[in-house]
PDB file of N, CA and C in Angstrom:
ATOM      1  N   MET A   1      59.740  18.847  45.307  1.00  0.00           N
ATOM      2  CA  MET A   1      60.663  18.392  46.331  1.00  0.00           C
ATOM      3  C   MET A   1      61.389  19.620  46.874  1.00  0.00           C
ATOM      4  N   PHE A   2      61.582  19.621  48.159  1.00  0.00           N
ATOM      5  CA  PHE A   2      62.185  20.778  48.813  1.00  0.00           C
ATOM      6  C   PHE A   2      63.447  20.369  49.563  1.00  0.00           C
ATOM      7  N   GLY A   3      64.370  21.304  49.674  1.00  0.00           N
ATOM      8  CA  GLY A   3      65.642  21.047  50.329  1.00  0.00           C
ATOM      9  C   GLY A   3      65.583  21.088  51.834  1.00  0.00           C
ATOM     10  N   ASP A   4      64.576  21.767  52.381  1.00  0.00           N
ATOM     11  CA  ASP A   4      64.470  21.848  53.838  1.00  0.00           C
ATOM     12  C   ASP A   4      63.027  22.138  54.245  1.00  0.00           C
ATOM     13  N   MET A   5      62.765  21.994  55.518  1.00  0.00           N
ATOM     14  CA  MET A   5      61.422  22.160  56.053  1.00  0.00           C
ATOM     15  C   MET A   5      60.924  23.600  55.920  1.00  0.00           C
ATOM     16  N   VAL A   6      61.815  24.561  55.993  1.00  0.00           N
ATOM     17  CA  VAL A   6      61.423  25.966  55.872  1.00  0.00           C
ATOM     18  C   VAL A   6      60.792  26.220  54.504  1.00  0.00           C
ATOM     19  N   ALA A   7      61.439  25.761  53.448  1.00  0.00           N
ATOM     20  CA  ALA A   7      60.915  25.950  52.092  1.00  0.00           C
ATOM     21  C   ALA A   7      59.599  25.189  51.912  1.00  0.00           C
ATOM     22  N   PHE A   8      59.548  23.968  52.387  1.00  0.00           N
ATOM     23  CA  PHE A   8      58.325  23.160  52.311  1.00  0.00           C
ATOM     24  C   PHE A   8      57.165  23.887  52.987  1.00  0.00           C
ATOM     25  N   ASP A   9      57.371  24.329  54.219  1.00  0.00           N
ATOM     26  CA  ASP A   9      56.318  25.031  54.960  1.00  0.00           C
ATOM     27  C   ASP A   9      55.897  26.325  54.280  1.00  0.00           C
ATOM     28  N   ARG A  10      56.857  27.045  53.698  1.00  0.00           N
ATOM     29  CA  ARG A  10      56.540  28.302  53.025  1.00  0.00           C
ATOM     30  C   ARG A  10      55.588  28.061  51.858  1.00  0.00           C
ATOM     31  N   VAL A  11      55.849  27.032  51.069  1.00  0.00           N
ATOM     32  CA  VAL A  11      55.002  26.753  49.914  1.00  0.00           C
ATOM     33  C   VAL A  11      53.653  26.184  50.346  1.00  0.00           C
ATOM     34  N   VAL A  12      53.669  25.169  51.184  1.00  0.00           N
ATOM     35  CA  VAL A  12      52.424  24.527  51.610  1.00  0.00           C
ATOM     36  C   VAL A  12      51.517  25.514  52.353  1.00  0.00           C
ATOM     37  N   GLY A  13      52.097  26.420  53.093  1.00  0.00           N
ATOM     38  CA  GLY A  13      51.319  27.383  53.854  1.00  0.00           C
ATOM     39  C   GLY A  13      50.995  28.668  53.119  1.00  0.00           C
ATOM     40  N   SER A  14      51.460  28.801  51.899  1.00  0.00           N
ATOM     41  CA  SER A  14      51.236  30.034  51.145  1.00  0.00           C
ATOM     42  C   SER A  14      49.770  30.187  50.768  1.00  0.00           C
ATOM     43  N   PRO A  15      49.219  31.385  50.935  1.00  0.00           N
ATOM     44  CA  PRO A  15      47.834  31.619  50.506  1.00  0.00           C
ATOM     45  C   PRO A  15      47.673  31.560  48.982  1.00  0.00           C
ATOM     46  N   GLU A  16      48.778  31.567  48.261  1.00  0.00           N
ATOM     47  CA  GLU A  16      48.740  31.479  46.802  1.00  0.00           C
ATOM     48  C   GLU A  16      48.772  30.040  46.303  1.00  0.00           C
ATOM     49  N   PHE A  17      49.165  29.102  47.151  1.00  0.00           N
ATOM     50  CA  PHE A  17      49.297  27.700  46.747  1.00  0.00           C
ATOM     51  C   PHE A  17      47.998  26.982  47.076  1.00  0.00           C
ATOM     52  N   THR A  18      47.009  27.154  46.214  1.00  0.00           N
ATOM     53  CA  THR A  18      45.682  26.604  46.441  1.00  0.00           C
ATOM     54  C   THR A  18      45.195  25.853  45.207  1.00  0.00           C
ATOM     55  N   ALA A  19      44.184  25.051  45.408  1.00  0.00           N
ATOM     56  CA  ALA A  19      43.580  24.343  44.276  1.00  0.00           C
ATOM     57  C   ALA A  19      43.045  25.332  43.251  1.00  0.00           C
ATOM     58  N   ALA A  20      42.493  26.445  43.708  1.00  0.00           N
ATOM     59  CA  ALA A  20      41.949  27.444  42.789  1.00  0.00           C
ATOM     60  C   ALA A  20      43.045  28.073  41.932  1.00  0.00           C
ATOM     61  N   SER A  21      44.149  28.462  42.547  1.00  0.00           N
ATOM     62  CA  SER A  21      45.209  29.113  41.767  1.00  0.00           C
ATOM     63  C   SER A  21      45.893  28.122  40.826  1.00  0.00           C
ATOM     64  N   ILE A  22      46.074  26.891  41.262  1.00  0.00           N
ATOM     65  CA  ILE A  22      46.688  25.880  40.399  1.00  0.00           C
ATOM     66  C   ILE A  22      45.730  25.513  39.268  1.00  0.00           C
ATOM     67  N   GLY A  23      44.458  25.371  39.582  1.00  0.00           N
ATOM     68  CA  GLY A  23      43.464  25.099  38.548  1.00  0.00           C
ATOM     69  C   GLY A  23      43.454  26.172  37.479  1.00  0.00           C
ATOM     70  N   ALA A  24      43.567  27.429  37.897  1.00  0.00           N
ATOM     71  CA  ALA A  24      43.595  28.533  36.935  1.00  0.00           C
ATOM     72  C   ALA A  24      44.812  28.437  36.014  1.00  0.00           C
ATOM     73  N   LEU A  25      45.958  28.052  36.547  1.00  0.00           N
ATOM     74  CA  LEU A  25      47.165  27.915  35.726  1.00  0.00           C
ATOM     75  C   LEU A  25      47.028  26.826  34.672  1.00  0.00           C
ATOM     76  N   TYR A  26      46.325  25.747  35.040  1.00  0.00           N
ATOM     77  CA  TYR A  26      46.206  24.599  34.135  1.00  0.00           C
ATOM     78  C   TYR A  26      44.886  24.561  33.373  1.00  0.00           C
ATOM     79  N   GLY A  27      43.995  25.512  33.652  1.00  0.00           N
ATOM     80  CA  GLY A  27      42.724  25.551  32.955  1.00  0.00           C
ATOM     81  C   GLY A  27      41.767  24.438  33.359  1.00  0.00           C
ATOM     82  N   VAL A  28      41.802  24.049  34.637  1.00  0.00           N
ATOM     83  CA  VAL A  28      40.884  23.026  35.146  1.00  0.00           C
ATOM     84  C   VAL A  28      40.145  23.578  36.361  1.00  0.00           C
ATOM     85  N   ALA A  29      39.025  22.963  36.685  1.00  0.00           N
ATOM     86  CA  ALA A  29      38.240  23.389  37.840  1.00  0.00           C
ATOM     87  C   ALA A  29      38.993  23.117  39.132  1.00  0.00           C
ATOM     88  N   ALA A  30      38.901  24.042  40.063  1.00  0.00           N
ATOM     89  CA  ALA A  30      39.574  23.887  41.354  1.00  0.00           C
ATOM     90  C   ALA A  30      39.162  22.590  42.047  1.00  0.00           C
ATOM     91  N   GLU A  31      37.908  22.175  41.850  1.00  0.00           N
ATOM     92  CA  GLU A  31      37.413  20.963  42.499  1.00  0.00           C
ATOM     93  C   GLU A  31      38.137  19.705  42.034  1.00  0.00           C
ATOM     94  N   SER A  32      38.775  19.770  40.872  1.00  0.00           N
ATOM     95  CA  SER A  32      39.468  18.591  40.359  1.00  0.00           C
ATOM     96  C   SER A  32      40.952  18.559  40.733  1.00  0.00           C
ATOM     97  N   VAL A  33      41.450  19.603  41.365  1.00  0.00           N
ATOM     98  CA  VAL A  33      42.863  19.681  41.754  1.00  0.00           C
ATOM     99  C   VAL A  33      43.035  19.086  43.144  1.00  0.00           C
ATOM    100  N   ARG A  34      43.980  18.184  43.274  1.00  0.00           N
ATOM    101  CA  ARG A  34      44.309  17.589  44.568  1.00  0.00           C
ATOM    102  C   ARG A  34      45.734  17.956  44.944  1.00  0.00           C
ATOM    103  N   ILE A  35      45.904  18.535  46.121  1.00  0.00           N
ATOM    104  CA  ILE A  35      47.227  18.892  46.638  1.00  0.00           C
ATOM    105  C   ILE A  35      47.522  17.960  47.804  1.00  0.00           C
ATOM    106  N   CYS A  36      48.580  17.177  47.675  1.00  0.00           N
ATOM    107  CA  CYS A  36      48.933  16.183  48.690  1.00  0.00           C
ATOM    108  C   CYS A  36      50.347  16.454  49.210  1.00  0.00           C
ATOM    109  N   PRO A  37      50.477  17.140  50.352  1.00  0.00           N
ATOM    110  CA  PRO A  37      51.810  17.351  50.921  1.00  0.00           C
ATOM    111  C   PRO A  37      52.299  16.096  51.647  1.00  0.00           C
ATOM    112  N   PHE A  38      53.546  15.756  51.438  1.00  0.00           N
ATOM    113  CA  PHE A  38      54.191  14.632  52.108  1.00  0.00           C
ATOM    114  C   PHE A  38      55.368  15.181  52.912  1.00  0.00           C
ATOM    115  N   GLU A  39      55.065  15.613  54.132  1.00  0.00           N
ATOM    116  CA  GLU A  39      56.067  16.266  54.974  1.00  0.00           C
ATOM    117  C   GLU A  39      57.286  15.380  55.212  1.00  0.00           C
ATOM    118  N   ARG A  40      57.054  14.107  55.389  1.00  0.00           N
ATOM    119  CA  ARG A  40      58.152  13.188  55.716  1.00  0.00           C
ATOM    120  C   ARG A  40      59.280  13.217  54.678  1.00  0.00           C
ATOM    121  N   VAL A  41      58.916  13.439  53.423  1.00  0.00           N
ATOM    122  CA  VAL A  41      59.923  13.471  52.356  1.00  0.00           C
ATOM    123  C   VAL A  41      60.013  14.847  51.691  1.00  0.00           C
ATOM    124  N   LEU A  42      59.449  15.863  52.340  1.00  0.00           N
ATOM    125  CA  LEU A  42      59.512  17.252  51.865  1.00  0.00           C
ATOM    126  C   LEU A  42      59.102  17.381  50.397  1.00  0.00           C
ATOM    127  N   THR A  43      57.956  16.795  50.089  1.00  0.00           N
ATOM    128  CA  THR A  43      57.468  16.768  48.718  1.00  0.00           C
ATOM    129  C   THR A  43      55.986  17.108  48.689  1.00  0.00           C
ATOM    130  N   VAL A  44      55.545  17.721  47.616  1.00  0.00           N
ATOM    131  CA  VAL A  44      54.126  17.981  47.400  1.00  0.00           C
ATOM    132  C   VAL A  44      53.755  17.388  46.053  1.00  0.00           C
ATOM    133  N   LYS A  45      52.678  16.611  46.051  1.00  0.00           N
ATOM    134  CA  LYS A  45      52.150  16.074  44.798  1.00  0.00           C
ATOM    135  C   LYS A  45      50.877  16.837  44.467  1.00  0.00           C
ATOM    136  N   VAL A  46      50.792  17.321  43.244  1.00  0.00           N
ATOM    137  CA  VAL A  46      49.585  17.982  42.761  1.00  0.00           C
ATOM    138  C   VAL A  46      49.057  17.122  41.623  1.00  0.00           C
ATOM    139  N   SER A  47      47.793  16.730  41.713  1.00  0.00           N
ATOM    140  CA  SER A  47      47.220  15.914  40.647  1.00  0.00           C
ATOM    141  C   SER A  47      45.894  16.499  40.189  1.00  0.00           C
ATOM    142  N   MET A  48      45.560  16.178  38.947  1.00  0.00           N
ATOM    143  CA  MET A  48      44.304  16.628  38.343  1.00  0.00           C
ATOM    144  C   MET A  48      44.032  15.723  37.151  1.00  0.00           C
ATOM    145  N   PRO A  49      42.794  15.694  36.697  1.00  0.00           N
ATOM    146  CA  PRO A  49      42.496  14.856  35.531  1.00  0.00           C
ATOM    147  C   PRO A  49      43.294  15.306  34.315  1.00  0.00           C
ATOM    148  N   ARG A  50      43.661  14.344  33.508  1.00  0.00           N
ATOM    149  CA  ARG A  50      44.374  14.656  32.272  1.00  0.00           C
ATOM    150  C   ARG A  50      43.419  14.502  31.098  1.00  0.00           C
ATOM    151  N   PRO A  51      43.435  15.447  30.191  1.00  0.00           N
ATOM    152  CA  PRO A  51      42.583  15.301  29.004  1.00  0.00           C
ATOM    153  C   PRO A  51      43.141  14.215  28.089  1.00  0.00           C
ATOM    154  N   GLY A  52      42.267  13.529  27.396  1.00  0.00           N
ATOM    155  CA  GLY A  52      42.713  12.530  26.430  1.00  0.00           C
ATOM    156  C   GLY A  52      43.088  11.223  27.088  1.00  0.00           C
ATOM    157  N   ALA A  53      44.121  10.599  26.556  1.00  0.00           N
ATOM    158  CA  ALA A  53      44.529   9.262  26.989  1.00  0.00           C
ATOM    159  C   ALA A  53      45.052   9.272  28.418  1.00  0.00           C
ATOM    160  N   SER A  54      44.781   8.201  29.138  1.00  0.00           N
ATOM    161  CA  SER A  54      45.338   8.068  30.475  1.00  0.00           C
ATOM    162  C   SER A  54      46.786   7.607  30.383  1.00  0.00           C
ATOM    163  N   SER A  55      47.504   7.686  31.469  1.00  0.00           N
ATOM    164  CA  SER A  55      48.928   7.388  31.487  1.00  0.00           C
ATOM    165  C   SER A  55      49.222   5.984  30.960  1.00  0.00           C
ATOM    166  N   GLY A  56      50.060   5.936  29.960  1.00  0.00           N
ATOM    167  CA  GLY A  56      50.490   4.672  29.384  1.00  0.00           C
ATOM    168  C   GLY A  56      49.588   4.137  28.292  1.00  0.00           C
ATOM    169  N   ALA A  57      48.438   4.747  28.088  1.00  0.00           N
ATOM    170  CA  ALA A  57      47.514   4.290  27.059  1.00  0.00           C
ATOM    171  C   ALA A  57      47.993   4.734  25.677  1.00  0.00           C
ATOM    172  N   PRO A  58      47.558   4.045  24.626  1.00  0.00           N
ATOM    173  CA  PRO A  58      47.915   4.510  23.280  1.00  0.00           C
ATOM    174  C   PRO A  58      47.480   5.974  23.104  1.00  0.00           C
ATOM    175  N   GLY A  59      48.342   6.780  22.571  1.00  0.00           N
ATOM    176  CA  GLY A  59      48.053   8.193  22.373  1.00  0.00           C
ATOM    177  C   GLY A  59      48.530   9.090  23.504  1.00  0.00           C
ATOM    178  N   ASP A  60      48.982   8.497  24.601  1.00  0.00           N
ATOM    179  CA  ASP A  60      49.500   9.299  25.714  1.00  0.00           C
ATOM    180  C   ASP A  60      50.836   9.894  25.309  1.00  0.00           C
ATOM    181  N   ARG A  61      50.961  11.217  25.432  1.00  0.00           N
ATOM    182  CA  ARG A  61      52.188  11.896  25.000  1.00  0.00           C
ATOM    183  C   ARG A  61      53.134  12.198  26.148  1.00  0.00           C
ATOM    184  N   ASP A  62      52.725  11.955  27.375  1.00  0.00           N
ATOM    185  CA  ASP A  62      53.571  12.312  28.507  1.00  0.00           C
ATOM    186  C   ASP A  62      53.381  11.295  29.635  1.00  0.00           C
ATOM    187  N   VAL A  63      53.886  10.100  29.445  1.00  0.00           N
ATOM    188  CA  VAL A  63      53.676   9.003  30.381  1.00  0.00           C
ATOM    189  C   VAL A  63      54.122   9.361  31.791  1.00  0.00           C
ATOM    190  N   TYR A  64      55.197  10.067  31.939  1.00  0.00           N
ATOM    191  CA  TYR A  64      55.743  10.375  33.257  1.00  0.00           C
ATOM    192  C   TYR A  64      55.253  11.697  33.838  1.00  0.00           C
ATOM    193  N   GLY A  65      54.499  12.463  33.095  1.00  0.00           N
ATOM    194  CA  GLY A  65      54.012  13.747  33.584  1.00  0.00           C
ATOM    195  C   GLY A  65      55.109  14.790  33.739  1.00  0.00           C
ATOM    196  N   SER A  66      56.253  14.540  33.140  1.00  0.00           N
ATOM    197  CA  SER A  66      57.411  15.417  33.356  1.00  0.00           C
ATOM    198  C   SER A  66      57.260  16.794  32.727  1.00  0.00           C
ATOM    199  N   GLN A  67      56.340  16.951  31.814  1.00  0.00           N
ATOM    200  CA  GLN A  67      56.154  18.259  31.193  1.00  0.00           C
ATOM    201  C   GLN A  67      55.094  19.077  31.912  1.00  0.00           C
ATOM    202  N   GLN A  68      54.473  18.527  32.916  1.00  0.00           N
ATOM    203  CA  GLN A  68      53.321  19.160  33.534  1.00  0.00           C
ATOM    204  C   GLN A  68      53.668  20.206  34.589  1.00  0.00           C
ATOM    205  N   HIS A  69      54.907  20.285  35.012  1.00  0.00           N
ATOM    206  CA  HIS A  69      55.251  21.203  36.096  1.00  0.00           C
ATOM    207  C   HIS A  69      55.471  22.649  35.647  1.00  0.00           C
ATOM    208  N   PHE A  70      55.622  22.901  34.375  1.00  0.00           N
ATOM    209  CA  PHE A  70      55.990  24.236  33.910  1.00  0.00           C
ATOM    210  C   PHE A  70      55.029  25.348  34.335  1.00  0.00           C
ATOM    211  N   PRO A  71      53.726  25.192  34.248  1.00  0.00           N
ATOM    212  CA  PRO A  71      52.844  26.295  34.692  1.00  0.00           C
ATOM    213  C   PRO A  71      53.027  26.666  36.163  1.00  0.00           C
ATOM    214  N   LEU A  72      53.453  25.745  36.995  1.00  0.00           N
ATOM    215  CA  LEU A  72      53.669  26.070  38.417  1.00  0.00           C
ATOM    216  C   LEU A  72      54.762  27.106  38.620  1.00  0.00           C
ATOM    217  N   ALA A  73      55.652  27.233  37.639  1.00  0.00           N
ATOM    218  CA  ALA A  73      56.722  28.219  37.750  1.00  0.00           C
ATOM    219  C   ALA A  73      56.170  29.652  37.774  1.00  0.00           C
ATOM    220  N   ASP A  74      54.943  29.831  37.291  1.00  0.00           N
ATOM    221  CA  ASP A  74      54.323  31.158  37.289  1.00  0.00           C
ATOM    222  C   ASP A  74      53.637  31.502  38.614  1.00  0.00           C
ATOM    223  N   LEU A  75      53.611  30.569  39.537  1.00  0.00           N
ATOM    224  CA  LEU A  75      52.943  30.777  40.814  1.00  0.00           C
ATOM    225  C   LEU A  75      53.923  31.379  41.831  1.00  0.00           C
ATOM    226  N   GLU A  76      53.631  32.579  42.298  1.00  0.00           N
ATOM    227  CA  GLU A  76      54.494  33.202  43.296  1.00  0.00           C
ATOM    228  C   GLU A  76      54.019  32.826  44.694  1.00  0.00           C
ATOM    229  N   VAL A  77      54.936  32.300  45.485  1.00  0.00           N
ATOM    230  CA  VAL A  77      54.615  31.946  46.882  1.00  0.00           C
ATOM    231  C   VAL A  77      55.539  32.665  47.838  1.00  0.00           C
TER     232      VAL A  77
END
């Protein structure tokens, strides 16, 4: 989520913000990374397959995905 359109555009338009670079951070193939910008609400959703249990299934350790954003902090845009 971004505070203004300038920040949103900077990240979405960055040559570093790609499926390949995000896949490398998470150890998944670039082809499985989906980047979905939602300009109307200044938000970007990044999704990829999760290993193991699906969300809410027995054995799922992170139902809300709240721990998944940390590797993105290493991405310079």
